[in-house]
C-alpha atoms as a PDB file:
ATOM      1  CA  UNK A   1     -81.025  28.768 -12.269  1.00  0.00           C
ATOM      2  CA  UNK A   2     -79.893  25.580 -10.624  1.00  0.00           C
ATOM      3  CA  UNK A   3     -78.457  22.357 -11.949  1.00  0.00           C
ATOM      4  CA  UNK A   4     -79.154  18.974 -10.400  1.00  0.00           C
ATOM      5  CA  UNK A   5     -77.058  15.802 -10.522  1.00  0.00           C
ATOM      6  CA  UNK A   6     -78.926  12.544  -9.982  1.00  0.00           C
ATOM      7  CA  UNK A   7     -76.747  10.756  -7.435  1.00  0.00           C
ATOM      8  CA  UNK A   8     -78.174   7.365  -8.411  1.00  0.00           C
ATOM      9  CA  UNK A   9     -77.028   7.820 -12.021  1.00  0.00           C
ATOM     10  CA  UNK A  10     -73.723   9.660 -11.497  1.00  0.00           C
ATOM     11  CA  UNK A  11     -70.612   7.499 -12.012  1.00  0.00           C
ATOM     12  CA  UNK A  12     -68.187  10.143 -10.752  1.00  0.00           C
ATOM     13  CA  UNK A  13     -66.309  10.695 -14.004  1.00  0.00           C
ATOM     14  CA  UNK A  14     -65.750  14.388 -13.182  1.00  0.00           C
ATOM     15  CA  UNK A  15     -66.422  15.788 -16.644  1.00  0.00           C
ATOM     16  CA  UNK A  16     -68.987  18.291 -15.386  1.00  0.00           C
ATOM     17  CA  UNK A  17     -66.664  19.585 -12.659  1.00  0.00           C
ATOM     18  CA  UNK A  18     -63.965  20.030 -15.280  1.00  0.00           C
ATOM     19  CA  UNK A  19     -66.254  21.853 -17.699  1.00  0.00           C
ATOM     20  CA  UNK A  20     -68.101  24.063 -15.192  1.00  0.00           C
ATOM     21  CA  UNK A  21     -66.126  24.132 -11.910  1.00  0.00           C
ATOM     22  CA  UNK A  22     -68.055  27.160 -10.689  1.00  0.00           C
ATOM     23  CA  UNK A  23     -71.235  25.063 -10.695  1.00  0.00           C
ATOM     24  CA  UNK A  24     -70.183  21.429 -10.145  1.00  0.00           C
ATOM     25  CA  UNK A  25     -67.826  19.757  -7.698  1.00  0.00           C
ATOM     26  CA  UNK A  26     -67.051  16.218  -6.609  1.00  0.00           C
ATOM     27  CA  UNK A  27     -68.469  15.293  -3.206  1.00  0.00           C
ATOM     28  CA  UNK A  28     -67.091  13.048  -0.454  1.00  0.00           C
ATOM     29  CA  UNK A  29     -68.770  10.030  -2.078  1.00  0.00           C
ATOM     30  CA  UNK A  30     -66.855  10.603  -5.320  1.00  0.00           C
ATOM     31  CA  UNK A  31     -69.911  11.783  -7.207  1.00  0.00           C
ATOM     32  CA  UNK A  32     -70.636  15.144  -8.786  1.00  0.00           C
ATOM     33  CA  UNK A  33     -72.970  17.665  -7.250  1.00  0.00           C
ATOM     34  CA  UNK A  34     -74.191  21.080  -8.278  1.00  0.00           C
ATOM     35  CA  UNK A  35     -73.127  23.291  -5.394  1.00  0.00           C
ATOM     36  CA  UNK A  36     -73.882  26.729  -6.827  1.00  0.00           C
ATOM     37  CA  UNK A  37     -76.719  28.298  -8.728  1.00  0.00           C
ATOM     38  CA  UNK A  38     -75.594  29.580 -12.094  1.00  0.00           C
ATOM     39  CA  UNK A  39     -76.172  32.675 -14.156  1.00  0.00           C
ATOM     40  CA  UNK A  40     -77.158  33.166 -17.776  1.00  0.00           C
ATOM     41  CA  UNK A  41     -73.447  33.672 -18.551  1.00  0.00           C
ATOM     42  CA  UNK A  42     -72.685  30.138 -17.334  1.00  0.00           C
ATOM     43  CA  UNK A  43     -75.613  28.491 -19.112  1.00  0.00           C
ATOM     44  CA  UNK A  44     -73.553  27.385 -22.127  1.00  0.00           C
ATOM     45  CA  UNK A  45     -71.023  25.614 -19.866  1.00  0.00           C
ATOM     46  CA  UNK A  46     -73.786  23.903 -17.891  1.00  0.00           C
ATOM     47  CA  UNK A  47     -75.440  22.733 -21.126  1.00  0.00           C
ATOM     48  CA  UNK A  48     -72.044  21.481 -22.327  1.00  0.00           C
ATOM     49  CA  UNK A  49     -71.598  19.523 -19.079  1.00  0.00           C
ATOM     50  CA  UNK A  50     -75.130  18.162 -19.393  1.00  0.00           C
ATOM     51  CA  UNK A  51     -74.547  17.082 -23.018  1.00  0.00           C
ATOM     52  CA  UNK A  52     -71.201  15.411 -22.223  1.00  0.00           C
ATOM     53  CA  UNK A  53     -72.386  13.521 -19.141  1.00  0.00           C
ATOM     54  CA  UNK A  54     -72.033   9.857 -20.187  1.00  0.00           C
ATOM     55  CA  UNK A  55     -74.998   8.746 -18.046  1.00  0.00           C
ATOM     56  CA  UNK A  56     -77.240  11.804 -18.529  1.00  0.00           C
ATOM     57  CA  UNK A  57     -77.333  12.498 -14.771  1.00  0.00           C
ATOM     58  CA  UNK A  58     -77.545  16.309 -15.052  1.00  0.00           C
ATOM     59  CA  UNK A  59     -80.713  18.332 -15.349  1.00  0.00           C
ATOM     60  CA  UNK A  60     -81.542  22.016 -15.058  1.00  0.00           C
ATOM     61  CA  UNK A  61     -84.152  23.434 -12.696  1.00  0.00           C
ATOM     62  CA  UNK A  62     -85.373  26.911 -13.586  1.00  0.00           C
END
């Protein structure tokens, strides 16, 4: 599975990278990006990051 961060919505708060650092990182523009696909074991963390995103910029592509 893969997560996606909408770069137009992201405000660069870093919550997702803090919650799921094996999936999200901050890019050179100061915004989050999903740089790795994730496994079923990481799904709860990705959902947590998605739920806590203050601008709802994260989605999941299956």
